[in-house]
Protein backbone atom coordinates (compact mmCIF):
# COMPACT_ATOMS: atom_id res chain seq x y z
CA UNK A 1 -51.14 18.56 -54.43
CA UNK A 2 -53.00 15.27 -53.88
CA UNK A 3 -55.86 14.87 -51.41
CA UNK A 4 -53.52 12.86 -49.19
CA UNK A 5 -50.93 15.64 -49.21
CA UNK A 6 -53.68 18.11 -48.33
CA UNK A 7 -54.56 15.89 -45.37
CA UNK A 8 -50.90 15.84 -44.31
CA UNK A 9 -50.70 19.62 -44.52
CA UNK A 10 -53.64 19.92 -42.13
CA UNK A 11 -51.49 18.76 -39.17
CA UNK A 12 -47.84 18.57 -40.22
CA UNK A 13 -46.89 22.08 -39.16
CA UNK A 14 -43.33 22.67 -40.37
CA UNK A 15 -42.37 18.96 -40.46
CA UNK A 16 -40.79 17.81 -43.71
CA UNK A 17 -41.82 14.57 -45.39
CA UNK A 18 -38.64 13.05 -43.98
CA UNK A 19 -39.56 14.14 -40.45
CA UNK A 20 -43.10 12.82 -40.86
CA UNK A 21 -41.67 9.44 -41.89
CA UNK A 22 -39.23 9.35 -38.97
CA UNK A 23 -41.95 10.38 -36.48
CA UNK A 24 -44.16 7.62 -37.88
CA UNK A 25 -41.55 4.85 -37.79
CA UNK A 26 -41.35 4.69 -41.59
CA UNK A 27 -38.22 4.72 -43.72
CA UNK A 28 -38.08 8.21 -45.27
CA UNK A 29 -37.42 6.69 -48.71
CA UNK A 30 -40.62 4.64 -48.46
CA UNK A 31 -42.79 7.66 -47.71
CA UNK A 32 -41.03 9.72 -50.41
CA UNK A 33 -41.63 6.98 -52.99
CA UNK A 34 -45.27 6.46 -52.01
CA UNK A 35 -45.97 10.19 -52.19
CA UNK A 36 -44.16 10.58 -55.52
CA UNK A 37 -45.89 7.56 -57.10
CA UNK A 38 -49.23 8.29 -55.39
CA UNK A 39 -49.24 4.78 -53.91
CA UNK A 40 -49.58 5.60 -50.21
CA UNK A 41 -50.77 2.50 -48.37
CA UNK A 42 -53.36 2.17 -45.64
CA UNK A 43 -50.59 1.12 -43.26
CA UNK A 44 -48.61 4.29 -44.01
CA UNK A 45 -51.64 6.52 -43.48
CA UNK A 46 -52.50 4.83 -40.18
CA UNK A 47 -48.91 5.04 -38.88
CA UNK A 48 -48.77 8.74 -39.70
CA UNK A 49 -52.15 9.41 -38.09
CA UNK A 50 -51.16 7.61 -34.91
CA UNK A 51 -47.80 9.35 -34.73
CA UNK A 52 -49.49 12.76 -35.02
CA UNK A 53 -52.45 11.76 -32.83
CA UNK A 54 -55.05 12.54 -35.48
CA UNK A 55 -57.84 10.40 -36.86
CA UNK A 56 -56.82 8.11 -39.72
CA UNK A 57 -60.30 8.39 -41.23
CA UNK A 58 -59.67 11.63 -43.19
CA UNK A 59 -56.46 10.08 -44.52
CA UNK A 60 -58.33 6.99 -45.67
CA UNK A 61 -60.95 9.21 -47.28
CA UNK A 62 -58.15 11.10 -49.05
CA UNK A 63 -56.80 7.79 -50.38
CA UNK A 64 -60.29 6.79 -51.56
CA UNK A 65 -60.12 3.71 -49.32
CA UNK A 66 -63.26 4.93 -47.58
CA UNK A 67 -66.03 7.08 -49.00
CA UNK A 68 -68.44 9.35 -47.13
CA UNK A 69 -71.25 6.79 -47.39
CA UNK A 70 -69.08 4.28 -45.50
CA UNK A 71 -69.09 6.61 -42.55
CA UNK A 72 -72.64 7.92 -42.57
CA UNK A 73 -74.44 4.78 -41.46
CA UNK A 74 -71.69 3.78 -39.04
CA UNK A 75 -71.54 7.23 -37.43
CA UNK A 76 -75.32 7.42 -37.08
CA UNK A 77 -75.47 3.98 -35.47
CA UNK A 78 -72.63 4.78 -33.07
CA UNK A 79 -74.21 8.09 -32.12
CA UNK A 80 -77.55 6.42 -31.40
CA UNK A 81 -75.89 3.80 -29.21
CA UNK A 82 -74.24 6.55 -27.15
CA UNK A 83 -77.51 8.37 -26.48
CA UNK A 84 -79.29 7.82 -23.21
CA UNK A 85 -82.89 6.63 -23.34
CA UNK A 86 -84.02 10.15 -22.45
CA UNK A 87 -81.97 11.72 -25.25
CA UNK A 88 -83.27 9.19 -27.77
CA UNK A 89 -86.89 9.75 -26.69
CA UNK A 90 -86.39 13.52 -26.89
CA UNK A 91 -85.05 13.21 -30.45
CA UNK A 92 -88.01 11.06 -31.52
CA UNK A 93 -90.44 13.53 -29.95
CA UNK A 94 -88.71 16.47 -31.64
CA UNK A 95 -89.04 14.77 -35.03
CA UNK A 96 -92.68 13.90 -34.42
CA UNK A 97 -93.46 17.52 -33.51
CA UNK A 98 -91.60 18.80 -36.55
CA UNK A 99 -93.70 16.54 -38.70
CA UNK A 100 -92.90 14.39 -41.62
CA UNK A 101 -94.61 13.34 -44.79
CA UNK A 102 -94.54 9.79 -43.40
CA UNK A 103 -96.53 10.76 -40.28
CA UNK A 104 -99.31 12.19 -42.45
CA UNK A 105 -99.91 9.00 -44.49
CA UNK A 106 -101.96 5.93 -43.64
CA UNK A 107 -99.81 3.25 -42.03
CA UNK A 108 -100.75 0.75 -44.76
CA UNK A 109 -99.15 3.01 -47.39
CA UNK A 110 -95.98 3.36 -45.34
CA UNK A 111 -95.86 -0.40 -44.80
CA UNK A 112 -96.23 -0.93 -48.57
CA UNK A 113 -93.35 1.48 -49.23
CA UNK A 114 -91.16 -0.27 -46.67
CA UNK A 115 -91.98 -3.67 -48.16
CA UNK A 116 -91.04 -2.39 -51.62
CA UNK A 117 -87.72 -1.06 -50.30
CA UNK A 118 -86.98 -4.38 -48.57
CA UNK A 119 -87.86 -6.32 -51.72
CA UNK A 120 -85.54 -4.13 -53.80
CA UNK A 121 -82.69 -4.66 -51.35
CA UNK A 122 -83.24 -8.42 -51.32
CA UNK A 123 -83.28 -8.50 -55.12
CA UNK A 124 -80.00 -6.59 -55.20
CA UNK A 125 -78.47 -8.96 -52.65
CA UNK A 126 -79.55 -12.03 -54.61
CA UNK A 127 -78.47 -10.61 -57.95
CA UNK A 128 -77.72 -13.32 -60.51
CA UNK A 129 -78.39 -16.07 -57.97
CA UNK A 130 -82.14 -15.52 -57.80
CA UNK A 131 -84.30 -18.41 -58.93
CA UNK A 132 -86.44 -17.84 -61.98
CA UNK A 133 -90.00 -18.96 -62.57
CA UNK A 134 -89.36 -20.95 -65.74
CA UNK A 135 -90.69 -24.53 -65.80
CA UNK A 136 -88.36 -27.26 -64.59
CA UNK A 137 -86.45 -29.18 -67.25
CA UNK A 138 -87.43 -32.87 -67.44
CA UNK A 139 -84.82 -35.18 -65.96
CA UNK A 140 -83.94 -38.80 -66.67
CA UNK A 141 -86.90 -40.93 -65.62
CA UNK A 142 -89.42 -38.10 -66.15
CA UNK A 143 -92.12 -38.36 -68.78
CA UNK A 144 -90.94 -36.54 -71.87
CA UNK A 145 -87.24 -36.85 -71.05
CA UNK A 146 -85.14 -37.15 -74.17
CA UNK A 147 -87.99 -36.37 -76.54
CA UNK A 148 -86.93 -33.81 -79.04
CA UNK A 149 -89.01 -31.33 -80.97
C-alpha cells in the first residue's frame, strides 16, 4: 500500500476507489489508473480532499509534493501571526525564564554567529553567480592588452 493509499484509508470509510472518484468529480478510470501506476496528480489529491472535507496537505505529503520542512516554517509563521500581543509576550517571557545557551553568551558572540549564518545563506543564494577576487583581464585599449607570455 502506497503512502497515498494510506492517506485515503484514513478517511474513506467503506467507500471504494470508484466511489471516491465519483464523490470527487473524477472519472473512476482516471483514479484507478493513477493509483495503479502510482501517478496520482496534485489535482486529483486536492479534489479528493475537498470532496471528503479533509486537508489536502497530508495527501500532498504522501505524494512527496511537499515535505515536512515545507510546512514547519510556514506553520510557525502563521501561528505567530495569529497570536495576540499578550500571547506572544508571554511566550517570549516563558522562553527567557526557561533559559537558553544564547541568553548566557555575550551579545557580540551571538551577533558574530548570526552574521556567519547570514553570510552562509547569502553564499548559498549566490552560488555560481558570485564574483571572484581574481584580477580583471585587460581589455582592448588597456596597457598590456594582446601581449602574450
